[in-house]
Amino acid sequence: MRRVVVLVSIAVSVALLAYATSVAGALGYLGLETRALARMLLALAYNPGLRELTAMSPEAVTAIVWDFRGVDTLYETVVFYMAIIAALAIYRGAPKVGGGGGIGLSLIAKVVTKLLIPMNIAVAVSIAVHGHLTPGGGFQAGAALAVVSVLLAVVFSASSFSKVGVDVSKAVALRSAGLVAIAVVVFTPLIYSSVTGAQAYLMQSYVKVDSGFAFPVEVFGQLISGTLIWLNVAEFLAVSFGFFIIFMLLSLREDVVRSALVGEEHGSQHS
């Protein structure tokens, strides 16, 4: 009963906060005021009437993260990938997939998980491709897809990675593909500027006051918000398989990792 009360309280609090922040004048009744910066960002997130300032994204958070403060997000993404590189360096010499036998959980758990994994993948992809329209984005979608690796390790045992054809090397390749895609989107305006001589800026998504460069805002009548959909999808790929790498490394048996690292240490001493 206590848990039910806690869950209901959280749900009611979230609903009230969402109402207060979305309904015009609601914050005023609570004695609160929206900051001028917040009002400006909300007004410019999707504003076809101000083409030189808007991000053309109905999802204000994505507009802020990948457009208004895109360079900050780029550096934050680099920090995350540096952490993954550090983990790969620590585990160098260890097996590429989770070793050991292991039978996993019960048959019921395995059947239910087999049904849930496709749903998980579908939800994650949806979060990624709709991140410029609805709450979500590349990082959230990547974290959602990474749950699949946890399910595989826990429900089917760590050896299941090799059975489904996933290993650290493939995850690194897919993560790298996501990073390359981000780099392509980020530097395309500068490449365009160097080729044509026209003014353009790093990570520029849409036209600016002194730059006519722009990524397409719509494709076949569907709003894609310039660079935002591409950056979300690329980050989704990079984040999801970045987490896959971490979870696969953590699923290795301690004795296997320890013996590999100790063996490497002894080998370096003899050399």
Protein backbone atom coordinates (compact mmCIF):
# COMPACT_ATOMS: atom_id res chain seq x y z
CA MET A 1 0.00 0.00 0.00
CA ARG A 2 2.83 2.37 0.83
CA ARG A 3 4.39 1.86 -2.59
CA VAL A 4 1.07 2.58 -4.29
CA VAL A 5 0.72 5.84 -2.36
CA VAL A 6 4.26 6.87 -3.33
CA LEU A 7 3.68 6.09 -7.01
CA VAL A 8 0.35 7.93 -7.07
CA SER A 9 1.93 10.94 -5.33
CA ILE A 10 4.73 11.07 -7.89
CA ALA A 11 2.29 10.76 -10.79
CA VAL A 12 0.06 13.54 -9.42
CA SER A 13 3.07 15.81 -8.81
CA VAL A 14 4.36 15.30 -12.36
CA ALA A 15 0.90 15.94 -13.81
CA LEU A 16 0.44 19.14 -11.81
CA LEU A 17 3.91 20.41 -12.73
CA ALA A 18 3.31 19.67 -16.41
CA TYR A 19 0.00 21.51 -16.26
CA ALA A 20 1.52 24.48 -14.47
CA THR A 21 4.35 24.85 -16.96
CA SER A 22 2.27 24.28 -20.11
CA VAL A 23 -0.93 26.24 -19.50
CA ALA A 24 -0.66 29.98 -20.08
CA GLY A 25 -0.75 31.93 -16.84
CA ALA A 26 -0.67 28.84 -14.62
CA LEU A 27 2.71 29.74 -13.17
CA GLY A 28 1.41 33.18 -12.31
CA TYR A 29 -1.32 31.69 -10.13
CA LEU A 30 1.38 29.82 -8.23
CA GLY A 31 3.31 33.02 -7.63
CA LEU A 32 6.04 31.96 -10.06
CA GLU A 33 7.29 33.57 -13.24
CA THR A 34 8.98 32.11 -16.28
CA ARG A 35 12.45 33.58 -16.83
CA ALA A 36 12.93 35.79 -19.86
CA LEU A 37 15.54 33.38 -21.28
CA ALA A 38 13.11 30.47 -21.03
CA ARG A 39 10.37 32.45 -22.74
CA MET A 40 12.74 33.39 -25.53
CA LEU A 41 13.89 29.81 -26.12
CA LEU A 42 10.32 28.52 -26.10
CA ALA A 43 9.30 31.21 -28.56
CA LEU A 44 12.18 30.44 -30.93
CA ALA A 45 12.15 26.61 -30.79
CA TYR A 46 9.56 26.46 -33.59
CA ASN A 47 8.82 29.81 -35.19
CA PRO A 48 8.57 29.79 -39.00
CA GLY A 49 8.08 33.56 -38.88
CA LEU A 50 11.65 34.07 -37.64
CA ARG A 51 13.61 31.81 -39.97
CA GLU A 52 16.97 33.35 -39.00
CA LEU A 53 16.55 32.56 -35.30
CA THR A 54 14.38 29.48 -34.96
CA ALA A 55 15.50 25.86 -34.72
CA MET A 56 12.26 24.71 -36.41
CA SER A 57 11.69 22.05 -33.75
CA PRO A 58 8.43 21.76 -31.76
CA GLU A 59 10.43 19.94 -29.08
CA ALA A 60 12.11 22.82 -27.25
CA VAL A 61 14.57 20.66 -25.31
CA THR A 62 16.01 19.16 -28.49
CA ALA A 63 16.20 22.63 -30.04
CA ILE A 64 18.17 23.86 -27.03
CA VAL A 65 20.42 20.82 -26.74
CA TRP A 66 21.41 20.41 -30.41
CA ASP A 67 20.95 23.94 -31.79
CA PHE A 68 21.00 26.81 -29.31
CA ARG A 69 23.78 25.19 -27.24
CA GLY A 70 24.91 22.52 -29.69
CA VAL A 71 28.65 22.99 -29.12
CA ASP A 72 28.20 22.33 -25.38
CA THR A 73 26.32 19.13 -26.19
CA LEU A 74 29.07 18.09 -28.59
CA TYR A 75 31.70 18.42 -25.86
CA GLU A 76 29.50 16.55 -23.37
CA THR A 77 29.18 13.75 -25.91
CA VAL A 78 32.96 13.63 -26.28
CA VAL A 79 33.33 13.21 -22.50
CA PHE A 80 30.97 10.22 -22.57
CA TYR A 81 32.92 8.53 -25.36
CA MET A 82 36.23 9.19 -23.67
CA ALA A 83 34.89 7.25 -20.69
CA ILE A 84 34.06 4.33 -23.01
CA ILE A 85 37.55 4.48 -24.50
CA ALA A 86 38.98 4.34 -20.97
CA ALA A 87 36.89 1.24 -20.21
CA LEU A 88 38.12 -0.44 -23.39
CA ALA A 89 41.69 0.37 -22.42
CA ILE A 90 41.23 -1.13 -18.95
CA TYR A 91 39.71 -4.31 -20.36
CA ARG A 92 42.21 -4.74 -23.17
CA GLY A 93 43.29 -8.35 -23.49
CA ALA A 94 40.01 -9.61 -22.04
CA PRO A 95 37.63 -11.74 -24.17
CA LYS A 96 35.48 -9.90 -26.68
CA VAL A 97 32.19 -11.36 -25.43
CA GLY A 98 30.83 -12.51 -22.09
CA GLY A 99 32.34 -15.87 -21.31
CA GLY A 100 31.23 -18.73 -19.20
CA GLY A 101 28.32 -21.08 -19.49
CA GLY A 102 25.35 -19.98 -17.46
CA ILE A 103 21.79 -21.05 -18.03
CA GLY A 104 20.10 -17.74 -17.33
CA LEU A 105 16.68 -17.44 -15.76
CA SER A 106 13.57 -19.58 -16.13
CA LEU A 107 11.92 -20.51 -19.41
CA ILE A 108 9.03 -18.15 -18.66
CA ALA A 109 11.40 -15.23 -18.17
CA LYS A 110 13.20 -16.05 -21.42
CA VAL A 111 9.96 -16.26 -23.45
CA VAL A 112 8.65 -12.99 -22.03
CA THR A 113 12.01 -11.31 -22.71
CA LYS A 114 11.99 -12.52 -26.31
CA LEU A 115 8.62 -10.79 -26.70
CA LEU A 116 9.78 -7.62 -24.96
CA ILE A 117 13.06 -7.10 -26.82
CA PRO A 118 11.44 -6.28 -30.22
CA MET A 119 9.11 -3.84 -28.42
CA ASN A 120 12.10 -2.29 -26.68
CA ILE A 121 13.91 -1.83 -29.98
CA ALA A 122 10.80 -0.30 -31.61
CA VAL A 123 10.30 2.16 -28.74
CA ALA A 124 13.98 3.15 -28.77
CA VAL A 125 13.97 3.80 -32.53
CA SER A 126 10.75 5.79 -32.20
CA ILE A 127 12.25 7.96 -29.45
CA ALA A 128 15.27 8.65 -31.67
CA VAL A 129 13.47 9.55 -34.90
CA HIS A 130 10.77 11.60 -33.15
CA GLY A 131 13.13 13.39 -30.76
CA HIS A 132 12.73 16.68 -32.63
CA LEU A 133 8.93 16.46 -32.40
CA THR A 134 8.20 14.90 -29.02
CA PRO A 135 10.15 14.45 -25.75
CA GLY A 136 13.14 12.19 -26.25
CA GLY A 137 16.23 12.29 -28.40
CA GLY A 138 19.37 10.37 -29.25
CA PHE A 139 20.73 9.89 -25.75
CA GLN A 140 17.40 8.81 -24.28
CA ALA A 141 16.81 6.42 -27.18
CA GLY A 142 20.32 4.99 -26.83
CA ALA A 143 19.81 4.38 -23.12
CA ALA A 144 16.49 2.67 -23.90
CA LEU A 145 18.07 0.35 -26.47
CA ALA A 146 20.96 -0.44 -24.10
CA VAL A 147 18.41 -2.16 -21.86
CA VAL A 148 18.48 -4.99 -24.41
CA SER A 149 22.10 -5.79 -23.50
CA VAL A 150 21.18 -5.96 -19.81
CA LEU A 151 18.26 -8.27 -20.57
CA LEU A 152 20.49 -10.55 -22.62
CA ALA A 153 23.11 -10.78 -19.88
CA VAL A 154 20.69 -11.27 -16.99
CA VAL A 155 17.95 -13.39 -18.55
CA PHE A 156 19.96 -15.49 -21.01
CA SER A 157 23.46 -15.26 -19.38
CA ALA A 158 26.49 -13.37 -20.66
CA SER A 159 27.24 -16.08 -23.23
CA SER A 160 24.10 -15.05 -25.14
CA PHE A 161 25.97 -12.13 -26.75
CA SER A 162 27.98 -14.49 -28.91
CA LYS A 163 24.85 -16.50 -29.75
CA VAL A 164 23.11 -13.43 -31.20
CA GLY A 165 26.25 -12.35 -33.03
CA VAL A 166 27.08 -9.32 -30.90
CA ASP A 167 30.54 -8.66 -29.51
CA VAL A 168 32.62 -5.72 -28.37
CA SER A 169 34.33 -5.31 -31.75
CA LYS A 170 31.01 -4.97 -33.61
CA ALA A 171 29.67 -2.60 -30.95
CA VAL A 172 32.78 -0.43 -31.30
CA ALA A 173 32.31 -0.35 -35.09
CA LEU A 174 28.66 0.71 -34.78
CA ARG A 175 29.49 3.28 -32.11
CA SER A 176 32.21 4.67 -34.40
CA ALA A 177 29.70 4.87 -37.25
CA GLY A 178 27.48 7.03 -35.04
CA LEU A 179 30.40 9.29 -34.16
CA VAL A 180 31.37 9.66 -37.82
CA ALA A 181 27.76 10.56 -38.66
CA ILE A 182 27.77 13.27 -35.97
CA ALA A 183 31.04 14.65 -37.36
CA VAL A 184 29.61 14.72 -40.90
CA VAL A 185 26.56 16.71 -39.78
CA VAL A 186 28.66 19.05 -37.62
CA PHE A 187 31.22 19.90 -40.32
CA THR A 188 28.98 19.91 -43.41
CA PRO A 189 28.32 23.69 -43.16
CA LEU A 190 32.06 24.40 -43.04
CA ILE A 191 32.68 22.10 -46.01
CA TYR A 192 29.92 23.91 -47.90
CA SER A 193 31.51 27.24 -46.99
CA SER A 194 34.96 26.17 -48.18
CA VAL A 195 33.61 24.86 -51.48
CA THR A 196 31.21 27.69 -52.35
CA GLY A 197 32.80 30.59 -50.50
CA ALA A 198 29.47 31.40 -48.86
CA GLN A 199 29.22 32.08 -45.13
CA ALA A 200 28.31 29.13 -42.91
CA TYR A 201 28.93 28.09 -39.33
CA LEU A 202 29.93 24.99 -37.39
CA MET A 203 26.83 22.90 -36.55
CA GLN A 204 24.61 25.36 -38.41
CA SER A 205 21.19 23.85 -38.95
CA TYR A 206 19.10 26.56 -40.57
CA VAL A 207 19.52 29.93 -42.24
CA LYS A 208 21.06 32.78 -40.23
CA VAL A 209 21.03 36.53 -40.72
CA ASP A 210 24.31 36.46 -42.65
CA SER A 211 24.21 32.87 -43.93
CA GLY A 212 21.83 31.26 -46.40
CA PHE A 213 23.07 27.72 -45.73
CA ALA A 214 20.42 25.34 -44.40
CA PHE A 215 19.72 21.66 -43.97
CA PRO A 216 16.29 20.61 -45.29
CA VAL A 217 13.54 21.37 -42.79
CA GLU A 218 11.07 18.97 -44.39
CA VAL A 219 11.35 15.75 -46.38
CA PHE A 220 8.27 14.59 -48.32
CA GLY A 221 6.20 17.00 -46.27
CA GLN A 222 7.46 15.64 -42.95
CA LEU A 223 9.18 18.00 -40.53
CA ILE A 224 12.76 16.86 -39.77
CA SER A 225 14.04 20.15 -38.29
CA GLY A 226 17.28 20.47 -40.23
CA THR A 227 20.19 18.78 -38.47
CA LEU A 228 18.20 17.76 -35.40
CA ILE A 229 16.83 14.45 -36.66
CA TRP A 230 20.23 13.43 -38.06
CA LEU A 231 22.07 14.31 -34.86
CA ASN A 232 19.49 12.43 -32.79
CA VAL A 233 19.76 9.30 -34.92
CA ALA A 234 23.57 9.43 -34.98
CA GLU A 235 23.77 9.92 -31.22
CA PHE A 236 21.25 7.12 -30.75
CA LEU A 237 23.56 4.77 -32.63
CA ALA A 238 26.65 5.92 -30.77
CA VAL A 239 25.13 5.98 -27.28
CA SER A 240 23.29 2.67 -27.52
CA PHE A 241 26.34 0.73 -28.63
CA GLY A 242 28.54 2.67 -26.23
CA PHE A 243 26.40 1.34 -23.41
CA PHE A 244 26.44 -2.10 -25.07
CA ILE A 245 30.23 -2.05 -24.82
CA ILE A 246 30.17 -1.15 -21.13
CA PHE A 247 27.55 -3.75 -20.22
CA MET A 248 29.29 -6.48 -22.21
CA LEU A 249 32.58 -5.74 -20.47
CA LEU A 250 30.91 -5.71 -17.07
CA SER A 251 29.25 -9.05 -17.83
CA LEU A 252 32.64 -10.78 -18.10
CA ARG A 253 33.46 -13.09 -15.21
CA GLU A 254 35.89 -11.55 -12.76
CA ASP A 255 38.27 -14.50 -12.90
CA VAL A 256 38.43 -14.32 -16.71
CA VAL A 257 39.18 -10.59 -16.67
CA ARG A 258 41.67 -10.90 -13.82
CA SER A 259 43.61 -13.69 -15.52
CA ALA A 260 43.73 -11.74 -18.80
CA LEU A 261 44.97 -8.57 -17.13
CA VAL A 262 47.49 -10.39 -14.95
CA GLY A 263 48.77 -12.29 -17.97
CA GLU A 264 49.19 -9.05 -19.88
CA GLU A 265 51.03 -7.50 -16.94
CA HIS A 266 53.44 -10.42 -16.72
CA GLY A 267 53.99 -10.36 -20.46
CA SER A 268 54.91 -6.67 -20.38
CA GLN A 269 57.39 -7.31 -17.54
CA HIS A 270 59.13 -10.09 -19.46
CA SER A 271 59.34 -7.99 -22.59
